[in-house]
Amino acid sequence: MKKVFMSSVLAAVMSQTALPVLAADAHYPAFPVPAKMTAGAKAGNVIYAGLGTAGKAWYKLDLSEKELKWTALAEFPDQPRDAATSVTVGDAVYVFAGQGKADPADKHLQMFDTVYRYLIKEDRWEKLPTRTPVGLLASSAVVSKDEVIFFGGVNQQIFNGYFLDYFVHSGGQKEKQDAVAQHYFDRKPADYLFNRYVLAYNTSTNQWRFLGIDPNPGTVGAALAVSGNTITITGGEIKPGLRSRESKTVILKDGKLEWKAQQTLPSVSANEAQEGPAGAFAGYAQGTLLVAGGANFPGAWKQFSAGENFAHKGLKKTWRDEIYSYSKGQWKLAGKLPVAMGYGSAFQLDDGVLIVGGELQGGAASADVFLLRMKGQQVEIVR
């Protein structure tokens, strides 16, 4: 099974955890522009990335070249979009859903249900005659033969309705906007109807099919990694402002899904509870599963457990620098990223997990590109 993932990963570091070693063989060039909420996919030795705050721009990085450099490719033909789900199948990169403005003059965001294909050999885009059957914004995806299999995603009607109410129907009046936000966030996780259907899109027949239902809460912006036929999905939002603290594992075999028991990520420290990451980076380094970065609202689970559905009310969004590793059936804190970040693109390489861009504390975009790999029990960073 081929694998592609666009989410990020998060890990927490206890005081005794060693910081990552900066490798001497640094050589990865910075992304052409600072970018977050990007889409990305890998085909052979070539990385493709763009969209998000890079706008319509689309680039490639050929890892087989002696002198690594990013090359601009044909621009995306539709409106810019954040948090689209992208994978490679054969000689094409597929881009699903995302969020943005249907018209640059619009006051509100909306979720897209479109599917585009970038034809690698021809350096051109085409819109496919299909649409996502459910909301797949910020979903996680994996490729099996000629099918793209999706996990999670935002409910399109609820998402679009919120932004219409907040930015348009409120008339821009703060009092009305505050009332819309309170009404929207004051709900239990199940009320947001995050997607639990596992769907497969066949790139050969242009048809969708139903594979099963995730027995766990639906998640948005979860980190996905694959080893053989084992898929691990970590974190993600279970409602706006509240993240999952779990990793869930599903085995894909002969077109059927076998779900395993969820496992909880460890506490960040003796004094800081695990809040769960959304927008983290994930992948395997020397056989060890890594989840790094992301963002959450410290204190959200405490407020939610006390009966406050608006779990992140009054709390500060915090970007994370922790790296978690999973080996021999156990999660543990393994190191730190160079800086707290999430919501970029992550690519599985033979030598580790390549991170491209992302969002920094406070929302600024990053152009940083670096590799996470294991060296003994330490996480090593290659730039």
Protein backbone atom coordinates (compact mmCIF):
# COMPACT_ATOMS: atom_id res chain seq x y z
CA MET A 1 0.00 0.00 0.00
CA LYS A 2 1.29 3.47 -0.86
CA LYS A 3 0.88 6.13 1.78
CA VAL A 4 0.41 9.84 1.78
CA PHE A 5 -0.57 12.06 4.68
CA MET A 6 -1.00 15.79 5.13
CA SER A 7 -1.56 16.16 8.78
CA SER A 8 0.93 16.93 11.46
CA VAL A 9 2.11 15.19 14.57
CA LEU A 10 2.58 16.18 18.16
CA ALA A 11 4.81 14.95 20.93
CA ALA A 12 5.34 16.07 24.48
CA VAL A 13 8.69 16.26 26.19
CA MET A 14 9.42 15.58 29.82
CA SER A 15 12.29 17.38 31.49
CA GLN A 16 14.62 14.41 31.12
CA THR A 17 13.94 14.06 27.38
CA ALA A 18 16.95 14.95 25.25
CA LEU A 19 16.61 17.73 22.73
CA PRO A 20 16.94 16.68 19.08
CA VAL A 21 20.39 16.63 17.55
CA LEU A 22 20.97 18.98 14.62
CA ALA A 23 22.65 16.93 11.91
CA ALA A 24 25.70 18.23 10.08
CA ASP A 25 24.49 17.15 6.62
CA ALA A 26 21.91 19.93 6.34
CA HIS A 27 20.73 20.57 2.79
CA TYR A 28 16.96 21.04 2.48
CA PRO A 29 16.07 24.39 0.86
CA ALA A 30 13.42 26.62 2.42
CA PHE A 31 10.00 26.66 0.79
CA PRO A 32 9.72 29.53 -1.75
CA VAL A 33 7.25 31.42 0.45
CA PRO A 34 6.20 31.11 4.09
CA ALA A 35 3.14 28.87 3.93
CA LYS A 36 0.65 27.12 6.19
CA MET A 37 -2.50 25.05 5.65
CA THR A 38 -0.82 23.67 2.53
CA ALA A 39 -1.53 20.59 0.45
CA GLY A 40 1.24 18.20 -0.47
CA ALA A 41 2.02 14.80 -1.93
CA LYS A 42 5.03 12.72 -2.95
CA ALA A 43 5.54 10.87 -6.24
CA GLY A 44 8.70 8.79 -6.37
CA ASN A 45 11.56 11.08 -5.38
CA VAL A 46 9.60 14.28 -5.99
CA ILE A 47 7.73 16.34 -3.39
CA TYR A 48 4.78 18.48 -4.50
CA ALA A 49 3.40 21.23 -2.26
CA GLY A 50 1.43 24.44 -2.41
CA LEU A 51 -1.98 26.08 -1.91
CA GLY A 52 -2.88 27.20 1.63
CA THR A 53 -1.40 30.64 2.24
CA ALA A 54 0.83 30.09 -0.81
CA GLY A 55 -2.34 30.90 -2.78
CA LYS A 56 -2.59 29.17 -6.14
CA ALA A 57 1.16 28.45 -6.25
CA TRP A 58 2.31 24.84 -6.74
CA TYR A 59 5.93 23.69 -6.44
CA LYS A 60 8.06 20.59 -6.67
CA LEU A 61 11.28 19.50 -4.97
CA ASP A 62 13.17 16.67 -6.70
CA LEU A 63 15.06 14.84 -3.95
CA SER A 64 17.17 12.94 -6.48
CA GLU A 65 18.93 16.08 -7.69
CA LYS A 66 22.41 16.89 -6.44
CA GLU A 67 21.49 20.52 -5.80
CA LEU A 68 18.05 20.58 -4.22
CA LYS A 69 15.78 23.44 -5.27
CA TRP A 70 12.06 24.19 -5.42
CA THR A 71 10.62 24.66 -8.92
CA ALA A 72 7.40 26.54 -9.66
CA LEU A 73 4.79 24.54 -11.60
CA ALA A 74 1.42 25.28 -13.19
CA GLU A 75 -0.78 27.27 -10.81
CA PHE A 76 -3.90 25.79 -9.28
CA PRO A 77 -6.81 26.77 -11.59
CA ASP A 78 -9.50 27.56 -9.00
CA GLN A 79 -9.79 29.78 -5.94
CA PRO A 80 -7.05 29.39 -3.30
CA ARG A 81 -7.92 27.03 -0.47
CA ASP A 82 -6.67 25.94 2.94
CA ALA A 83 -6.56 22.46 4.45
CA ALA A 84 -7.25 20.53 1.25
CA THR A 85 -6.53 16.80 1.31
CA SER A 86 -3.99 15.65 -1.27
CA VAL A 87 -2.50 12.33 -2.37
CA THR A 88 -0.58 10.84 -5.27
CA VAL A 89 -2.03 8.04 -7.38
CA GLY A 90 0.03 6.95 -10.36
CA ASP A 91 1.22 9.97 -12.33
CA ALA A 92 -1.20 12.43 -10.77
CA VAL A 93 -1.71 14.38 -7.56
CA TYR A 94 -5.35 14.58 -6.42
CA VAL A 95 -6.59 17.53 -4.36
CA PHE A 96 -9.89 17.21 -2.51
CA ALA A 97 -12.08 19.77 -0.72
CA GLY A 98 -10.43 22.56 1.30
CA GLN A 99 -11.84 25.87 2.51
CA GLY A 100 -11.71 29.34 1.04
CA LYS A 101 -13.75 32.05 -0.67
CA ALA A 102 -15.75 31.11 -3.74
CA ASP A 103 -15.29 34.71 -4.84
CA PRO A 104 -12.46 36.96 -3.57
CA ALA A 105 -15.09 39.58 -2.73
CA ASP A 106 -16.97 37.24 -0.39
CA LYS A 107 -16.97 38.09 3.30
CA HIS A 108 -17.21 34.47 4.38
CA LEU A 109 -15.30 31.24 3.94
CA GLN A 110 -16.94 28.11 2.64
CA MET A 111 -16.03 24.46 2.33
CA PHE A 112 -15.34 23.18 -1.17
CA ASP A 113 -16.49 19.79 -2.42
CA THR A 114 -14.44 19.82 -5.62
CA VAL A 115 -11.81 17.34 -6.80
CA TYR A 116 -8.83 18.42 -8.91
CA ARG A 117 -6.05 16.41 -10.47
CA TYR A 118 -2.53 17.61 -11.27
CA LEU A 119 -1.07 15.65 -14.19
CA ILE A 120 2.62 15.36 -13.38
CA LYS A 121 3.96 14.55 -16.85
CA GLU A 122 1.95 17.34 -18.49
CA ASP A 123 2.32 19.96 -15.75
CA ARG A 124 -1.34 20.85 -15.87
CA TRP A 125 -4.48 20.72 -13.73
CA GLU A 126 -7.94 19.43 -14.51
CA LYS A 127 -11.19 19.50 -12.58
CA LEU A 128 -12.80 16.07 -12.28
CA PRO A 129 -16.54 15.49 -12.84
CA THR A 130 -17.27 14.48 -9.27
CA ARG A 131 -17.68 15.98 -5.81
CA THR A 132 -17.04 14.80 -2.28
CA PRO A 133 -20.20 13.03 -1.02
CA VAL A 134 -19.62 14.32 2.53
CA GLY A 135 -17.56 17.14 4.01
CA LEU A 136 -13.89 16.19 3.71
CA LEU A 137 -12.27 19.44 4.81
CA ALA A 138 -9.15 18.65 6.87
CA SER A 139 -9.70 14.92 6.44
CA SER A 140 -6.86 12.38 6.46
CA ALA A 141 -6.29 10.11 3.48
CA VAL A 142 -4.29 7.08 2.40
CA VAL A 143 -3.87 5.41 -0.99
CA SER A 144 -4.51 1.72 -1.63
CA LYS A 145 -3.89 0.72 -5.26
CA ASP A 146 -6.09 3.09 -7.29
CA GLU A 147 -8.33 4.14 -4.40
CA VAL A 148 -8.07 7.08 -2.02
CA ILE A 149 -9.45 6.24 1.43
CA PHE A 150 -10.67 9.08 3.66
CA PHE A 151 -11.00 9.38 7.43
CA GLY A 152 -12.67 12.32 9.19
CA GLY A 153 -13.72 15.71 7.87
CA VAL A 154 -15.92 18.68 8.77
CA ASN A 155 -19.69 18.66 8.25
CA GLN A 156 -20.23 20.94 5.27
CA GLN A 157 -23.69 22.28 6.15
CA ILE A 158 -22.75 23.18 9.72
CA PHE A 159 -19.40 24.71 8.72
CA ASN A 160 -20.79 26.82 5.87
CA GLY A 161 -23.78 27.85 7.97
CA TYR A 162 -21.58 29.16 10.77
CA PHE A 163 -19.50 31.38 8.50
CA LEU A 164 -22.59 32.70 6.72
CA ASP A 165 -24.24 33.54 10.03
CA TYR A 166 -21.10 35.08 11.51
CA PHE A 167 -19.85 37.18 8.60
CA VAL A 168 -22.96 37.84 6.49
CA HIS A 169 -26.21 37.45 8.41
CA SER A 170 -24.82 39.31 11.43
CA GLY A 171 -24.29 42.40 9.32
CA GLY A 172 -20.85 42.72 10.87
CA GLN A 173 -22.33 43.70 14.26
CA LYS A 174 -20.12 42.43 17.06
CA GLU A 175 -23.01 41.74 19.41
CA LYS A 176 -24.67 39.49 16.84
CA GLN A 177 -21.37 37.82 15.96
CA ASP A 178 -20.72 37.03 19.62
CA ALA A 179 -24.17 35.46 19.87
CA VAL A 180 -23.52 33.36 16.74
CA ALA A 181 -20.18 32.16 18.14
CA GLN A 182 -21.68 31.30 21.53
CA HIS A 183 -24.48 29.33 19.87
CA TYR A 184 -22.02 27.54 17.56
CA PHE A 185 -19.41 26.54 20.15
CA ASP A 186 -21.86 25.65 22.95
CA ARG A 187 -22.49 22.11 21.70
CA LYS A 188 -21.29 18.62 22.46
CA PRO A 189 -18.83 16.90 20.06
CA ALA A 190 -21.49 14.66 18.51
CA ASP A 191 -23.58 17.70 17.56
CA TYR A 192 -21.03 18.85 14.96
CA LEU A 193 -21.46 15.65 12.96
CA PHE A 194 -17.78 15.35 12.08
CA ASN A 195 -17.48 12.65 9.45
CA ARG A 196 -17.20 9.07 10.71
CA TYR A 197 -17.86 7.44 7.35
CA VAL A 198 -14.78 5.83 5.83
CA LEU A 199 -15.07 6.45 2.10
CA ALA A 200 -13.02 5.34 -0.89
CA TYR A 201 -12.68 7.24 -4.14
CA ASN A 202 -11.66 5.14 -7.14
CA THR A 203 -9.42 7.18 -9.43
CA SER A 204 -9.95 4.77 -12.34
CA THR A 205 -13.76 4.72 -12.32
CA ASN A 206 -14.39 8.16 -10.76
CA GLN A 207 -16.73 6.51 -8.24
CA TRP A 208 -17.10 6.69 -4.47
CA ARG A 209 -17.89 3.77 -2.19
CA PHE A 210 -18.60 3.24 1.49
CA LEU A 211 -16.07 1.16 3.44
CA GLY A 212 -17.38 1.40 6.99
CA ILE A 213 -17.85 3.64 10.02
CA ASP A 214 -15.16 4.77 12.44
CA PRO A 215 -16.35 3.48 15.85
CA ASN A 216 -14.54 6.40 17.51
CA PRO A 217 -15.44 10.10 17.45
CA GLY A 218 -14.92 11.72 14.06
CA THR A 219 -11.84 13.92 13.88
CA VAL A 220 -10.67 16.90 11.85
CA GLY A 221 -7.04 17.77 11.21
CA ALA A 222 -5.74 14.46 12.55
CA ALA A 223 -2.22 13.21 11.83
CA LEU A 224 -2.09 10.04 9.74
CA ALA A 225 0.78 7.63 9.12
CA VAL A 226 0.95 4.22 7.48
CA SER A 227 3.13 1.15 7.85
CA GLY A 228 2.15 -1.73 5.57
CA ASN A 229 -1.59 -2.16 6.02
CA THR A 230 -1.64 -0.47 9.45
CA ILE A 231 -3.02 3.07 9.57
CA THR A 232 -2.52 5.21 12.68
CA ILE A 233 -4.59 8.38 13.12
CA THR A 234 -3.56 10.65 15.98
CA GLY A 235 -5.25 13.66 17.55
CA GLY A 236 -7.40 16.04 15.56
CA GLU A 237 -10.38 18.06 16.74
CA ILE A 238 -13.44 16.21 17.99
CA LYS A 239 -15.28 19.56 18.08
CA PRO A 240 -14.07 23.11 17.46
CA GLY A 241 -11.53 23.95 20.17
CA LEU A 242 -11.34 20.47 21.71
CA ARG A 243 -8.77 17.93 20.53
CA SER A 244 -8.58 14.17 20.74
CA ARG A 245 -5.91 12.88 23.11
CA GLU A 246 -6.01 9.47 21.46
CA SER A 247 -4.39 7.62 18.61
CA LYS A 248 -6.56 5.14 16.77
CA THR A 249 -5.32 2.28 14.65
CA VAL A 250 -7.10 0.53 11.82
CA ILE A 251 -5.91 -2.41 9.72
CA LEU A 252 -6.90 -2.33 6.05
CA LYS A 253 -6.96 -5.82 4.60
CA ASP A 254 -8.77 -7.14 1.54
CA GLY A 255 -10.89 -3.99 1.42
CA LYS A 256 -12.08 -4.37 5.01
CA LEU A 257 -11.36 -2.29 8.11
CA GLU A 258 -10.33 -3.77 11.46
CA TRP A 259 -10.26 -1.18 14.24
CA LYS A 260 -8.01 -1.57 17.28
CA ALA A 261 -8.43 -0.08 20.75
CA GLN A 262 -7.47 3.59 21.04
CA GLN A 263 -4.32 4.57 22.92
CA THR A 264 -3.88 7.80 24.87
CA LEU A 265 -0.92 10.11 24.36
CA PRO A 266 1.15 10.74 27.50
CA SER A 267 1.00 13.91 29.57
CA VAL A 268 3.22 16.75 28.42
CA SER A 269 4.82 16.93 31.86
CA ALA A 270 4.03 16.32 35.50
CA ASN A 271 2.40 19.75 35.56
CA GLU A 272 0.72 19.82 32.15
CA ALA A 273 -2.06 17.50 31.06
CA GLN A 274 -2.34 16.14 27.54
CA GLU A 275 -4.79 18.25 25.50
CA GLY A 276 -4.33 16.42 22.19
CA PRO A 277 -2.89 17.91 19.00
CA ALA A 278 -4.63 19.06 15.84
CA GLY A 279 -2.66 19.92 12.73
CA ALA A 280 0.28 17.76 13.78
CA PHE A 281 2.89 16.07 11.55
CA ALA A 282 3.21 12.27 11.42
CA GLY A 283 5.31 9.56 9.81
CA TYR A 284 7.88 6.85 10.41
CA ALA A 285 11.59 7.36 11.09
CA GLN A 286 13.80 4.26 11.19
CA GLY A 287 10.75 2.14 12.00
CA THR A 288 9.52 4.41 14.81
CA LEU A 289 6.23 6.27 14.48
CA LEU A 290 6.60 9.99 15.21
CA VAL A 291 3.90 12.59 15.86
CA ALA A 292 5.08 16.18 16.25
CA GLY A 293 3.78 19.71 16.66
CA GLY A 294 0.21 20.84 16.14
CA ALA A 295 -1.88 23.17 18.29
CA ASN A 296 -4.42 23.05 21.10
CA PHE A 297 -6.02 25.05 23.91
CA PRO A 298 -4.46 24.19 27.30
CA GLY A 299 -7.28 23.88 29.81
CA ALA A 300 -9.97 22.95 27.28
CA TRP A 301 -10.41 19.41 28.57
CA LYS A 302 -10.68 20.66 32.14
CA GLN A 303 -13.44 23.11 31.18
CA PHE A 304 -15.23 20.55 29.04
CA SER A 305 -15.09 17.94 31.82
CA ALA A 306 -16.62 20.53 34.17
CA GLY A 307 -19.63 20.85 31.86
CA GLU A 308 -18.58 23.75 29.63
CA ASN A 309 -19.37 22.80 26.03
CA PHE A 310 -17.61 25.94 24.79
CA ALA A 311 -14.45 24.16 25.89
CA HIS A 312 -11.87 26.68 24.68
CA LYS A 313 -13.77 29.78 25.85
CA GLY A 314 -11.32 32.32 27.24
CA LEU A 315 -8.31 30.09 26.53
CA LYS A 316 -5.22 30.82 24.44
CA LYS A 317 -4.47 28.75 21.37
CA THR A 318 -1.03 27.27 21.83
CA TRP A 319 1.22 25.78 19.16
CA ARG A 320 3.23 22.75 20.25
CA ASP A 321 6.86 21.70 19.83
CA GLU A 322 6.66 18.24 21.40
CA ILE A 323 7.55 15.09 19.47
CA TYR A 324 5.96 11.78 20.47
CA SER A 325 7.30 8.39 19.45
CA TYR A 326 5.46 5.09 19.37
CA SER A 327 7.42 1.89 19.63
CA LYS A 328 6.81 -1.53 21.15
CA GLY A 329 3.20 -0.69 21.91
CA GLN A 330 3.87 2.49 23.88
CA TRP A 331 3.75 6.24 23.29
CA LYS A 332 6.41 8.39 24.91
CA LEU A 333 7.87 11.87 24.69
CA ALA A 334 10.88 11.80 22.39
CA GLY A 335 12.06 15.36 21.78
CA LYS A 336 11.16 18.80 20.52
CA LEU A 337 10.79 20.53 17.20
CA PRO A 338 13.11 23.50 16.55
CA VAL A 339 10.05 25.73 17.10
CA ALA A 340 6.42 25.19 18.03
CA MET A 341 4.43 24.73 14.82
CA GLY A 342 1.70 22.79 13.02
CA TYR A 343 -0.65 22.84 10.02
CA GLY A 344 2.04 22.33 7.38
CA SER A 345 2.77 19.38 5.11
CA ALA A 346 4.58 16.18 6.11
CA PHE A 347 6.05 13.61 3.74
CA GLN A 348 7.19 10.06 4.39
CA LEU A 349 10.73 9.57 3.08
CA ASP A 350 12.87 6.45 3.32
CA ASP A 351 15.05 8.25 5.87
CA GLY A 352 12.36 9.89 8.01
CA VAL A 353 9.61 12.51 7.99
CA LEU A 354 10.10 15.67 5.93
CA ILE A 355 8.24 18.72 7.24
CA VAL A 356 7.49 21.60 4.88
CA GLY A 357 6.19 24.92 6.15
CA GLY A 358 3.55 25.29 8.82
CA GLU A 359 1.95 27.72 11.23
CA LEU A 360 3.94 29.26 14.08
CA GLN A 361 2.79 30.55 17.46
CA GLY A 362 0.37 33.41 16.84
CA GLY A 363 -0.48 32.33 13.29
CA ALA A 364 2.53 33.38 11.21
CA ALA A 365 3.52 31.07 8.36
CA SER A 366 6.89 29.31 8.09
CA ALA A 367 9.08 28.49 5.08
CA ASP A 368 11.23 26.07 7.08
CA VAL A 369 11.96 22.60 5.65
CA PHE A 370 13.59 19.87 7.71
CA LEU A 371 13.69 16.12 8.25
CA LEU A 372 12.89 14.23 11.44
CA ARG A 373 14.78 10.98 11.85
CA MET A 374 15.82 8.72 14.70
CA LYS A 375 19.42 8.37 15.83
CA GLY A 376 19.40 5.81 18.59
CA GLN A 377 16.79 7.01 21.06
CA GLN A 378 17.04 10.64 19.98
CA VAL A 379 15.16 12.57 17.34
CA GLU A 380 17.61 14.13 14.92
CA ILE A 381 16.79 17.15 12.78
CA VAL A 382 18.28 17.42 9.30
CA ARG A 383 17.94 20.78 7.57
